[in-house]
Protein backbone atom coordinates (compact mmCIF):
# COMPACT_ATOMS: atom_id res chain seq x y z
CA UNK A 1 198.87 -97.95 -174.89
CA UNK A 2 201.36 -95.66 -176.43
CA UNK A 3 203.61 -93.25 -174.91
CA UNK A 4 206.01 -90.64 -176.24
CA UNK A 5 209.49 -90.64 -175.36
CA UNK A 6 211.70 -87.31 -175.53
CA UNK A 7 215.51 -87.35 -175.35
CA UNK A 8 217.92 -84.57 -175.16
CA UNK A 9 221.74 -85.70 -175.06
CA UNK A 10 224.31 -83.00 -174.37
CA UNK A 11 227.57 -83.57 -175.90
CA UNK A 12 231.18 -82.07 -176.25
CA UNK A 13 232.22 -80.33 -179.43
CA UNK A 14 234.62 -83.35 -180.23
CA UNK A 15 231.53 -85.59 -180.53
CA UNK A 16 229.55 -83.49 -183.14
CA UNK A 17 230.67 -85.88 -186.13
CA UNK A 18 229.24 -88.92 -184.17
CA UNK A 19 225.86 -87.02 -183.49
CA UNK A 20 225.75 -85.97 -187.33
CA UNK A 21 226.18 -89.74 -187.84
CA UNK A 22 223.35 -90.91 -185.83
CA UNK A 23 221.23 -88.25 -187.38
CA UNK A 24 221.82 -89.76 -190.61
CA UNK A 25 221.44 -93.64 -189.97
CA UNK A 26 219.11 -93.65 -186.79
CA UNK A 27 216.15 -93.72 -188.85
CA UNK A 28 217.03 -97.07 -190.36
CA UNK A 29 216.65 -98.99 -186.92
CA UNK A 30 213.82 -96.76 -185.92
CA UNK A 31 211.81 -97.52 -189.08
CA UNK A 32 212.38 -101.06 -188.57
CA UNK A 33 211.22 -101.35 -184.82
CA UNK A 34 207.64 -102.65 -185.01
CA UNK A 35 207.06 -101.03 -181.44
CA UNK A 36 207.55 -97.47 -182.87
CA UNK A 37 204.70 -95.87 -184.46
CA UNK A 38 206.41 -92.22 -184.81
CA UNK A 39 209.68 -90.95 -184.54
CA UNK A 40 211.68 -87.54 -185.19
CA UNK A 41 215.59 -87.02 -184.82
CA UNK A 42 215.93 -83.73 -184.15
CA UNK A 43 218.50 -80.82 -183.79
CA UNK A 44 217.90 -78.19 -181.28
CA UNK A 45 218.43 -74.76 -180.46
CA UNK A 46 219.59 -72.50 -177.54
CA UNK A 47 216.00 -71.21 -176.84
CA UNK A 48 216.89 -67.85 -177.42
CA UNK A 49 215.73 -66.69 -180.48
CA UNK A 50 214.42 -69.87 -182.20
CA UNK A 51 215.77 -69.00 -185.54
CA UNK A 52 218.63 -70.92 -187.47
CA UNK A 53 221.38 -68.72 -185.81
CA UNK A 54 220.06 -70.34 -182.47
CA UNK A 55 221.07 -74.01 -183.53
CA UNK A 56 223.33 -75.62 -180.82
CA UNK A 57 225.39 -78.30 -182.10
CA UNK A 58 226.35 -79.71 -178.55
CA UNK A 59 222.41 -80.90 -178.26
CA UNK A 60 220.53 -83.18 -179.99
CA UNK A 61 217.24 -84.68 -179.22
CA UNK A 62 214.93 -87.85 -180.42
CA UNK A 63 211.20 -87.71 -179.94
CA UNK A 64 209.56 -91.66 -180.30
CA UNK A 65 206.13 -92.69 -179.82
CA UNK A 66 206.05 -96.52 -179.19
CA UNK A 67 204.05 -99.10 -176.68
CA UNK A 68 204.43 -98.50 -173.27
CA UNK A 69 205.30 -102.05 -172.70
CA UNK A 70 208.57 -101.59 -174.89
CA UNK A 71 209.87 -98.53 -173.15
CA UNK A 72 212.59 -100.04 -171.18
CA UNK A 73 213.77 -102.30 -174.04
CA UNK A 74 213.94 -99.17 -176.19
CA UNK A 75 215.79 -97.54 -173.18
CA UNK A 76 218.54 -100.03 -172.95
CA UNK A 77 218.71 -100.39 -176.95
CA UNK A 78 221.97 -100.29 -178.95
CA UNK A 79 220.81 -97.03 -180.48
CA UNK A 80 220.16 -95.31 -177.04
CA UNK A 81 223.29 -96.67 -175.69
CA UNK A 82 225.52 -95.60 -178.61
CA UNK A 83 224.24 -91.94 -177.97
CA UNK A 84 224.74 -92.59 -174.17
CA UNK A 85 228.50 -93.71 -175.11
CA UNK A 86 229.51 -90.22 -176.03
CA UNK A 87 226.99 -87.84 -174.09
CA UNK A 88 227.84 -85.56 -171.27
CA UNK A 89 224.41 -85.53 -170.09
CA UNK A 90 221.27 -87.41 -171.06
CA UNK A 91 217.67 -86.48 -170.27
CA UNK A 92 214.40 -88.40 -171.00
CA UNK A 93 211.05 -87.47 -170.29
CA UNK A 94 208.18 -90.15 -170.55
CA UNK A 95 204.91 -88.00 -171.69
CA UNK A 96 201.27 -89.06 -172.15
CA UNK A 97 199.09 -86.78 -174.41
CA UNK A 98 196.63 -84.81 -173.13
CA UNK A 99 195.70 -82.96 -176.45
CA UNK A 100 196.87 -82.80 -180.01
CA UNK A 101 195.94 -80.54 -182.64
CA UNK A 102 197.33 -80.56 -186.27
CA UNK A 103 199.74 -82.68 -188.21
CA UNK A 104 203.21 -83.52 -188.19
CA UNK A 105 204.65 -85.00 -191.74
CA UNK A 106 200.92 -85.08 -192.66
CA UNK A 107 200.16 -87.69 -189.47
CA UNK A 108 198.47 -86.81 -186.19
CA UNK A 109 201.13 -88.83 -184.07
CA UNK A 110 199.79 -88.16 -180.63
CA UNK A 111 196.64 -89.95 -179.35
CA UNK A 112 195.35 -88.46 -175.99
CA UNK A 113 195.62 -90.65 -173.03
CA UNK A 114 196.23 -88.73 -170.23
CA UNK A 115 193.19 -86.99 -168.09
CA UNK A 116 192.31 -83.45 -169.14
CA UNK A 117 192.54 -82.39 -165.53
CA UNK A 118 196.24 -83.53 -165.06
CA UNK A 119 197.37 -81.83 -162.25
CA UNK A 120 201.10 -82.25 -162.49
CA UNK A 121 203.91 -80.86 -164.61
CA UNK A 122 203.15 -80.56 -168.37
CA UNK A 123 205.12 -80.56 -171.60
CA UNK A 124 204.15 -78.68 -174.83
CA UNK A 125 205.52 -79.42 -178.30
CA UNK A 126 204.83 -76.91 -180.96
CA UNK A 127 206.25 -77.14 -184.37
CA UNK A 128 205.64 -75.75 -187.92
CA UNK A 129 206.60 -75.98 -191.43
CA UNK A 130 207.08 -72.34 -192.82
CA UNK A 131 206.15 -71.51 -196.35
CA UNK A 132 209.59 -70.47 -197.82
CA UNK A 133 208.10 -67.11 -198.80
CA UNK A 134 207.32 -66.35 -195.33
CA UNK A 135 210.53 -67.23 -193.27
CA UNK A 136 211.61 -63.44 -192.98
CA UNK A 137 208.48 -62.32 -191.61
CA UNK A 138 208.00 -65.34 -189.12
CA UNK A 139 211.41 -64.35 -187.99
CA UNK A 140 210.85 -61.06 -187.17
CA UNK A 141 208.01 -61.94 -185.03
CA UNK A 142 209.89 -64.14 -182.85
CA UNK A 143 211.79 -62.11 -180.51
CA UNK A 144 208.86 -60.45 -178.62
CA UNK A 145 206.98 -64.15 -178.52
CA UNK A 146 210.32 -65.56 -177.24
CA UNK A 147 210.81 -62.64 -174.45
CA UNK A 148 207.20 -63.35 -173.47
CA UNK A 149 207.88 -66.92 -173.42
CA UNK A 150 210.98 -67.00 -171.12
CA UNK A 151 209.48 -64.34 -168.58
CA UNK A 152 206.25 -66.60 -168.66
CA UNK A 153 205.14 -67.53 -164.78
CA UNK A 154 205.35 -71.37 -164.61
CA UNK A 155 208.00 -72.17 -167.10
CA UNK A 156 210.56 -74.70 -166.27
CA UNK A 157 212.25 -74.96 -169.29
CA UNK A 158 212.02 -74.37 -173.20
CA UNK A 159 214.28 -75.31 -176.11
CA UNK A 160 214.03 -74.95 -180.05
CA UNK A 161 213.71 -77.93 -181.82
CA UNK A 162 213.77 -78.59 -185.62
CA UNK A 163 214.16 -81.29 -188.13
CA UNK A 164 216.30 -78.78 -190.36
CA UNK A 165 217.72 -75.29 -189.83
CA UNK A 166 215.07 -73.37 -192.20
CA UNK A 167 211.58 -73.76 -192.35
CA UNK A 168 210.83 -76.42 -189.99
CA UNK A 169 210.49 -74.79 -186.65
CA UNK A 170 209.48 -76.09 -183.18
CA UNK A 171 209.64 -75.93 -179.50
CA UNK A 172 209.72 -78.35 -176.53
CA UNK A 173 208.75 -76.75 -172.78
CA UNK A 174 207.86 -78.01 -169.69
CA UNK A 175 205.73 -76.25 -167.43
CA UNK A 176 204.63 -76.28 -163.76
CA UNK A 177 201.25 -76.70 -164.56
CA UNK A 178 198.65 -77.00 -167.21
CA UNK A 179 197.28 -73.41 -166.16
CA UNK A 180 200.63 -71.87 -166.45
CA UNK A 181 200.97 -73.18 -170.08
CA UNK A 182 197.24 -71.97 -171.13
CA UNK A 183 197.86 -68.75 -169.56
CA UNK A 184 200.77 -68.22 -171.84
CA UNK A 185 199.21 -69.49 -174.97
CA UNK A 186 195.98 -67.63 -174.72
CA UNK A 187 196.51 -64.82 -172.67
CA UNK A 188 199.85 -63.76 -173.33
CA UNK A 189 199.57 -60.44 -175.42
CA UNK A 190 202.55 -61.23 -177.76
CA UNK A 191 201.60 -64.91 -178.22
CA UNK A 192 198.28 -63.48 -179.09
CA UNK A 193 199.58 -61.01 -181.83
CA UNK A 194 201.54 -63.90 -183.47
CA UNK A 195 198.29 -66.03 -183.75
CA UNK A 196 196.43 -63.23 -185.26
CA UNK A 197 199.16 -62.75 -187.58
CA UNK A 198 199.45 -66.34 -188.51
CA UNK A 199 195.45 -66.33 -189.37
CA UNK A 200 196.01 -63.27 -191.08
CA UNK A 201 199.03 -64.09 -193.52
CA UNK A 202 198.96 -68.13 -193.23
CA UNK A 203 202.62 -68.38 -193.05
CA UNK A 204 202.54 -72.14 -191.73
CA UNK A 205 201.78 -75.00 -194.43
CA UNK A 206 201.46 -77.44 -191.68
CA UNK A 207 201.36 -76.87 -187.73
CA UNK A 208 200.80 -78.96 -184.74
CA UNK A 209 200.39 -78.24 -181.12
CA UNK A 210 200.51 -80.85 -178.30
CA UNK A 211 200.13 -81.05 -174.65
CA UNK A 212 201.46 -83.79 -172.49
CA UNK A 213 201.28 -84.96 -168.75
CA UNK A 214 204.84 -85.01 -167.60
CA UNK A 215 204.82 -88.81 -166.17
CA UNK A 216 208.60 -89.10 -165.49
CA UNK A 217 211.89 -87.29 -165.86
CA UNK A 218 215.26 -88.87 -165.70
CA UNK A 219 218.44 -86.97 -165.92
CA UNK A 220 218.68 -83.19 -166.41
CA UNK A 221 217.80 -80.95 -169.05
CA UNK A 222 218.90 -77.41 -169.34
CA UNK A 223 218.31 -74.51 -171.66
CA UNK A 224 221.77 -73.76 -172.13
CA UNK A 225 224.11 -76.80 -171.93
CA UNK A 226 227.26 -75.19 -170.79
CA UNK A 227 228.64 -78.50 -169.00
CA UNK A 228 228.85 -79.89 -172.70
CA UNK A 229 231.60 -77.48 -173.51
CA UNK A 230 233.40 -77.57 -170.35
CA UNK A 231 236.90 -78.72 -170.66
CA UNK A 232 237.09 -79.87 -166.88
CA UNK A 233 233.91 -81.81 -167.11
CA UNK A 234 235.80 -84.85 -166.88
CA UNK A 235 233.99 -86.81 -169.51
């Protein structure tokens, strides 16, 4: 059975060149790993506007789908240990897909394996490839939804994720329960208005929404990683 791992590393600004180097070369070893069926090296945003100006160079992420039997070996691999060597904080979520709709890079990466009635914390990943001519319209619609997201009952944390600063947008969020996530997704007025505009304008050329059972967490994740830029951190 496959599981999904989501890593987040908070780093000092002085380590940004190392993170950029990893973003360039990690895909080589990830592609060569026969246990990995899907991966994405990701930049992140502060979770405030989910626009290019939101980019946070002091936090980077990695999403990997691999065989459950290979998780600990991968967690202690040279690639992960290299990130760990300069990270201020590391976070890892082990996820089991409950449901997934849409595609990412023309593939369906997440095969549901967790029960639909999962009662613990859940995570959600949304991502979209925005049509270039629709970027400005999309970003004008973000502030209302973002405000609604951060005020949503049951939200634990949310951050922007993306493969590129323009046109490839996404979010990773953690919720206290599946019902809290459903209430935001299907009952929040701001979110419903954006869904309606999406159907009307067709501003995505590709989109995906996936919901996961949060099986295990290691380390910590924060919306705004202040520790990464704290000169007194001692790391």
